[in-house]
Amino acid sequence: MRVYLGSDHAGFELKEHLVSWLKGQGHDVVDAGPAAFDAVDDYPPFVLRAAEGVAGDPGSLGLVIGGSGNGEQIAANKVAGVRAALAWSEETAKLAREHNDANVLGIGGRMHSLDEATRFVEVFLSTPYSDEERHTRRIAMLSRYEENGELPPLP
């Protein structure tokens, strides 16, 4: 599987670890940066490139990493076609894929150990979308809104 990654300085160590781990697992890794640690860098240039990679590459997944993962997830969700979810447990990583068909996972590098974060990624990458009608219906509502601003009808 092709996996795109982007981070900032706070997520740099975890990103580097995951790049190596993913390659060791046989994944095709696209590292959108940063290439070197810079204590004052900004996440949007790297995260937006990773998210655009995912949006333009059907079947690929992405990982965006910062201190908390919040800003990175928000940035990734600005890219049309991206459904980014923030993971803080194995269960949230699993549900992101299973219920939301998320294609990008946000992780807080300062919130979890390397082992915990790696396990979130492992769960995310190995969990298929459930394809349940209720989840598909909800995702379609969001996609329509993203495409044309159409609010879903109230129940």
C-alpha atoms as a PDB file:
ATOM      1  CA  MET A   1       0.000   0.000   0.000  1.00  0.00           C
ATOM      2  CA  ARG A   2       1.189   3.529  -0.696  1.00  0.00           C
ATOM      3  CA  VAL A   3       1.314   5.660   2.465  1.00  0.00           C
ATOM      4  CA  TYR A   4       1.909   9.421   2.436  1.00  0.00           C
ATOM      5  CA  LEU A   5       3.358  11.096   5.535  1.00  0.00           C
ATOM      6  CA  GLY A   6       3.740  14.697   6.607  1.00  0.00           C
ATOM      7  CA  SER A   7       4.614  16.271   9.941  1.00  0.00           C
ATOM      8  CA  ASP A   8       6.114  19.237  11.700  1.00  0.00           C
ATOM      9  CA  HIS A   9       8.991  19.476  14.163  1.00  0.00           C
ATOM     10  CA  ALA A  10       6.891  18.031  17.006  1.00  0.00           C
ATOM     11  CA  GLY A  11       6.031  14.984  14.921  1.00  0.00           C
ATOM     12  CA  PHE A  12       9.370  14.636  13.162  1.00  0.00           C
ATOM     13  CA  GLU A  13      10.794  11.836  15.344  1.00  0.00           C
ATOM     14  CA  LEU A  14       7.607   9.772  15.045  1.00  0.00           C
ATOM     15  CA  LYS A  15       7.412  10.408  11.284  1.00  0.00           C
ATOM     16  CA  GLU A  16      10.973   9.206  10.803  1.00  0.00           C
ATOM     17  CA  HIS A  17      10.258   6.107  12.889  1.00  0.00           C
ATOM     18  CA  LEU A  18       7.091   5.365  10.906  1.00  0.00           C
ATOM     19  CA  VAL A  19       8.798   5.846   7.535  1.00  0.00           C
ATOM     20  CA  SER A  20      11.317   3.174   8.507  1.00  0.00           C
ATOM     21  CA  TRP A  21       8.689   0.886  10.046  1.00  0.00           C
ATOM     22  CA  LEU A  22       6.363   1.171   7.042  1.00  0.00           C
ATOM     23  CA  LYS A  23       9.158   0.383   4.594  1.00  0.00           C
ATOM     24  CA  GLY A  24      10.051  -2.631   6.732  1.00  0.00           C
ATOM     25  CA  GLN A  25       6.434  -3.783   6.414  1.00  0.00           C
ATOM     26  CA  GLY A  26       6.675  -3.571   2.613  1.00  0.00           C
ATOM     27  CA  HIS A  27       4.662  -0.386   2.110  1.00  0.00           C
ATOM     28  CA  ASP A  28       5.418   2.171  -0.593  1.00  0.00           C
ATOM     29  CA  VAL A  29       6.214   5.283   1.460  1.00  0.00           C
ATOM     30  CA  VAL A  30       5.987   8.872   0.234  1.00  0.00           C
ATOM     31  CA  ASP A  31       7.553  11.222   2.775  1.00  0.00           C
ATOM     32  CA  ALA A  32       6.239  14.751   2.201  1.00  0.00           C
ATOM     33  CA  GLY A  33       8.571  16.125   4.851  1.00  0.00           C
ATOM     34  CA  PRO A  34      10.129  17.701   6.596  1.00  0.00           C
ATOM     35  CA  ALA A  35      13.438  16.183   5.527  1.00  0.00           C
ATOM     36  CA  ALA A  36      15.280  17.500   8.588  1.00  0.00           C
ATOM     37  CA  PHE A  37      14.350  18.654  12.075  1.00  0.00           C
ATOM     38  CA  ASP A  38      13.622  22.394  12.300  1.00  0.00           C
ATOM     39  CA  ALA A  39      12.306  23.482  15.702  1.00  0.00           C
ATOM     40  CA  VAL A  40      10.307  26.367  14.214  1.00  0.00           C
ATOM     41  CA  ASP A  41       8.858  24.846  11.057  1.00  0.00           C
ATOM     42  CA  ASP A  42       5.162  24.968  10.205  1.00  0.00           C
ATOM     43  CA  TYR A  43       3.061  21.899   9.457  1.00  0.00           C
ATOM     44  CA  PRO A  44       0.840  23.119   6.564  1.00  0.00           C
ATOM     45  CA  PRO A  45       3.448  22.841   3.777  1.00  0.00           C
ATOM     46  CA  PHE A  46       4.173  19.203   4.642  1.00  0.00           C
ATOM     47  CA  VAL A  47       0.745  18.030   5.737  1.00  0.00           C
ATOM     48  CA  LEU A  48      -1.105  19.563   2.799  1.00  0.00           C
ATOM     49  CA  ARG A  49       1.272  17.844   0.382  1.00  0.00           C
ATOM     50  CA  ALA A  50       0.728  14.496   2.098  1.00  0.00           C
ATOM     51  CA  ALA A  51      -3.055  14.998   2.041  1.00  0.00           C
ATOM     52  CA  GLU A  52      -3.027  16.036  -1.624  1.00  0.00           C
ATOM     53  CA  GLY A  53      -1.031  12.907  -2.377  1.00  0.00           C
ATOM     54  CA  VAL A  54      -3.719  10.751  -0.781  1.00  0.00           C
ATOM     55  CA  ALA A  55      -6.553  12.631  -2.487  1.00  0.00           C
ATOM     56  CA  GLY A  56      -4.920  12.146  -5.875  1.00  0.00           C
ATOM     57  CA  ASP A  57      -3.943   8.517  -5.367  1.00  0.00           C
ATOM     58  CA  PRO A  58      -7.025   6.290  -4.875  1.00  0.00           C
ATOM     59  CA  GLY A  59      -6.377   3.390  -2.532  1.00  0.00           C
ATOM     60  CA  SER A  60      -3.534   5.112  -0.734  1.00  0.00           C
ATOM     61  CA  LEU A  61      -3.622   6.223   2.892  1.00  0.00           C
ATOM     62  CA  GLY A  62      -1.900   9.005   4.796  1.00  0.00           C
ATOM     63  CA  LEU A  63      -0.458   9.859   8.183  1.00  0.00           C
ATOM     64  CA  VAL A  64      -0.120  13.399   9.484  1.00  0.00           C
ATOM     65  CA  ILE A  65       1.784  13.957  12.683  1.00  0.00           C
ATOM     66  CA  GLY A  66       2.341  16.859  15.040  1.00  0.00           C
ATOM     67  CA  GLY A  67       2.550  17.476  18.758  1.00  0.00           C
ATOM     68  CA  SER A  68      -1.135  16.805  19.372  1.00  0.00           C
ATOM     69  CA  GLY A  69      -2.145  15.924  15.813  1.00  0.00           C
ATOM     70  CA  ASN A  70      -5.018  18.404  15.957  1.00  0.00           C
ATOM     71  CA  GLY A  71      -3.657  21.057  13.595  1.00  0.00           C
ATOM     72  CA  GLU A  72      -2.416  18.447  11.182  1.00  0.00           C
ATOM     73  CA  GLN A  73      -5.797  16.726  11.063  1.00  0.00           C
ATOM     74  CA  ILE A  74      -7.533  20.064  10.511  1.00  0.00           C
ATOM     75  CA  ALA A  75      -5.115  20.929   7.696  1.00  0.00           C
ATOM     76  CA  ALA A  76      -5.532  17.542   5.993  1.00  0.00           C
ATOM     77  CA  ASN A  77      -9.317  17.918   6.087  1.00  0.00           C
ATOM     78  CA  LYS A  78      -9.032  21.118   4.032  1.00  0.00           C
ATOM     79  CA  VAL A  79      -8.052  18.992   1.027  1.00  0.00           C
ATOM     80  CA  ALA A  80     -11.046  17.860  -1.014  1.00  0.00           C
ATOM     81  CA  GLY A  81     -11.454  14.108  -0.888  1.00  0.00           C
ATOM     82  CA  VAL A  82      -9.637  13.669   2.406  1.00  0.00           C
ATOM     83  CA  ARG A  83     -11.327  12.283   5.480  1.00  0.00           C
ATOM     84  CA  ALA A  84      -8.778  12.696   8.271  1.00  0.00           C
ATOM     85  CA  ALA A  85      -9.390  11.390  11.774  1.00  0.00           C
ATOM     86  CA  LEU A  86      -7.364  11.924  14.938  1.00  0.00           C
ATOM     87  CA  ALA A  87      -6.361   8.719  16.737  1.00  0.00           C
ATOM     88  CA  TRP A  88      -5.717   8.585  20.455  1.00  0.00           C
ATOM     89  CA  SER A  89      -6.262   4.849  20.883  1.00  0.00           C
ATOM     90  CA  GLU A  90      -6.291   1.663  18.850  1.00  0.00           C
ATOM     91  CA  GLU A  91     -10.085   1.795  18.921  1.00  0.00           C
ATOM     92  CA  THR A  92     -10.260   5.306  17.433  1.00  0.00           C
ATOM     93  CA  ALA A  93      -7.797   4.274  14.703  1.00  0.00           C
ATOM     94  CA  LYS A  94      -9.958   1.227  13.920  1.00  0.00           C
ATOM     95  CA  LEU A  95     -13.228   3.158  13.901  1.00  0.00           C
ATOM     96  CA  ALA A  96     -11.735   5.847  11.664  1.00  0.00           C
ATOM     97  CA  ARG A  97     -11.398   3.241   8.929  1.00  0.00           C
ATOM     98  CA  GLU A  98     -14.301   0.940   9.768  1.00  0.00           C
ATOM     99  CA  HIS A  99     -17.034   3.572  10.199  1.00  0.00           C
ATOM    100  CA  ASN A 100     -15.691   6.707   8.494  1.00  0.00           C
ATOM    101  CA  ASP A 101     -13.577   5.272   5.683  1.00  0.00           C
ATOM    102  CA  ALA A 102     -10.895   7.742   6.776  1.00  0.00           C
ATOM    103  CA  ASN A 103      -7.992   7.900   4.379  1.00  0.00           C
ATOM    104  CA  VAL A 104      -5.697   9.979   6.598  1.00  0.00           C
ATOM    105  CA  LEU A 105      -4.840   9.443  10.246  1.00  0.00           C
ATOM    106  CA  GLY A 106      -3.661  12.238  12.512  1.00  0.00           C
ATOM    107  CA  ILE A 107      -1.415  11.330  15.429  1.00  0.00           C
ATOM    108  CA  GLY A 108       0.015  13.392  18.271  1.00  0.00           C
ATOM    109  CA  GLY A 109       3.705  12.617  18.516  1.00  0.00           C
ATOM    110  CA  ARG A 110       3.893  14.150  21.979  1.00  0.00           C
ATOM    111  CA  MET A 111       0.832  12.274  23.190  1.00  0.00           C
ATOM    112  CA  HIS A 112       1.933   8.666  22.647  1.00  0.00           C
ATOM    113  CA  SER A 113       4.993   6.465  22.781  1.00  0.00           C
ATOM    114  CA  LEU A 114       6.523   5.266  19.522  1.00  0.00           C
ATOM    115  CA  ASP A 115       5.132   1.795  20.204  1.00  0.00           C
ATOM    116  CA  GLU A 116       1.593   3.083  20.861  1.00  0.00           C
ATOM    117  CA  ALA A 117       1.585   5.310  17.780  1.00  0.00           C
ATOM    118  CA  THR A 118       2.978   2.503  15.627  1.00  0.00           C
ATOM    119  CA  ARG A 119       0.183   0.239  16.814  1.00  0.00           C
ATOM    120  CA  PHE A 120      -2.400   2.930  15.877  1.00  0.00           C
ATOM    121  CA  VAL A 121      -0.922   2.980  12.371  1.00  0.00           C
ATOM    122  CA  GLU A 122      -0.877  -0.805  12.148  1.00  0.00           C
ATOM    123  CA  VAL A 123      -4.558  -0.963  13.135  1.00  0.00           C
ATOM    124  CA  PHE A 124      -5.496   1.880  10.769  1.00  0.00           C
ATOM    125  CA  LEU A 125      -3.757   0.291   7.786  1.00  0.00           C
ATOM    126  CA  SER A 126      -5.150  -3.177   8.420  1.00  0.00           C
ATOM    127  CA  THR A 127      -8.782  -2.228   9.081  1.00  0.00           C
ATOM    128  CA  PRO A 128     -11.104  -2.233   6.077  1.00  0.00           C
ATOM    129  CA  TYR A 129     -14.093   0.045   5.662  1.00  0.00           C
ATOM    130  CA  SER A 130     -17.242  -1.771   6.844  1.00  0.00           C
ATOM    131  CA  ASP A 131     -19.258  -0.688   3.803  1.00  0.00           C
ATOM    132  CA  GLU A 132     -22.372  -0.606   5.983  1.00  0.00           C
ATOM    133  CA  GLU A 133     -25.212   1.367   4.435  1.00  0.00           C
ATOM    134  CA  ARG A 134     -25.557   3.786   7.361  1.00  0.00           C
ATOM    135  CA  HIS A 135     -21.881   4.723   7.201  1.00  0.00           C
ATOM    136  CA  THR A 136     -21.904   5.007   3.417  1.00  0.00           C
ATOM    137  CA  ARG A 137     -24.973   7.255   3.605  1.00  0.00           C
ATOM    138  CA  ARG A 138     -23.254   9.582   6.097  1.00  0.00           C
ATOM    139  CA  ILE A 139     -20.058   9.769   4.096  1.00  0.00           C
ATOM    140  CA  ALA A 140     -22.097  10.586   0.964  1.00  0.00           C
ATOM    141  CA  MET A 141     -23.762  13.474   2.811  1.00  0.00           C
ATOM    142  CA  LEU A 142     -20.363  14.892   3.683  1.00  0.00           C
ATOM    143  CA  SER A 143     -19.056  14.380   0.150  1.00  0.00           C
ATOM    144  CA  ARG A 144     -22.033  16.234  -1.342  1.00  0.00           C
ATOM    145  CA  TYR A 145     -21.488  19.095   1.082  1.00  0.00           C
ATOM    146  CA  GLU A 146     -17.793  19.181   0.215  1.00  0.00           C
ATOM    147  CA  GLU A 147     -18.581  19.260  -3.517  1.00  0.00           C
ATOM    148  CA  ASN A 148     -21.395  21.806  -3.623  1.00  0.00           C
ATOM    149  CA  GLY A 149     -22.228  23.094  -0.135  1.00  0.00           C
ATOM    150  CA  GLU A 150     -25.530  21.216  -0.053  1.00  0.00           C
ATOM    151  CA  LEU A 151     -26.633  20.737   3.531  1.00  0.00           C
ATOM    152  CA  PRO A 152     -28.158  17.321   4.243  1.00  0.00           C
ATOM    153  CA  PRO A 153     -31.904  17.471   4.846  1.00  0.00           C
ATOM    154  CA  LEU A 154     -33.036  17.501   8.446  1.00  0.00           C
ATOM    155  CA  PRO A 155     -34.699  14.291   9.604  1.00  0.00           C
END
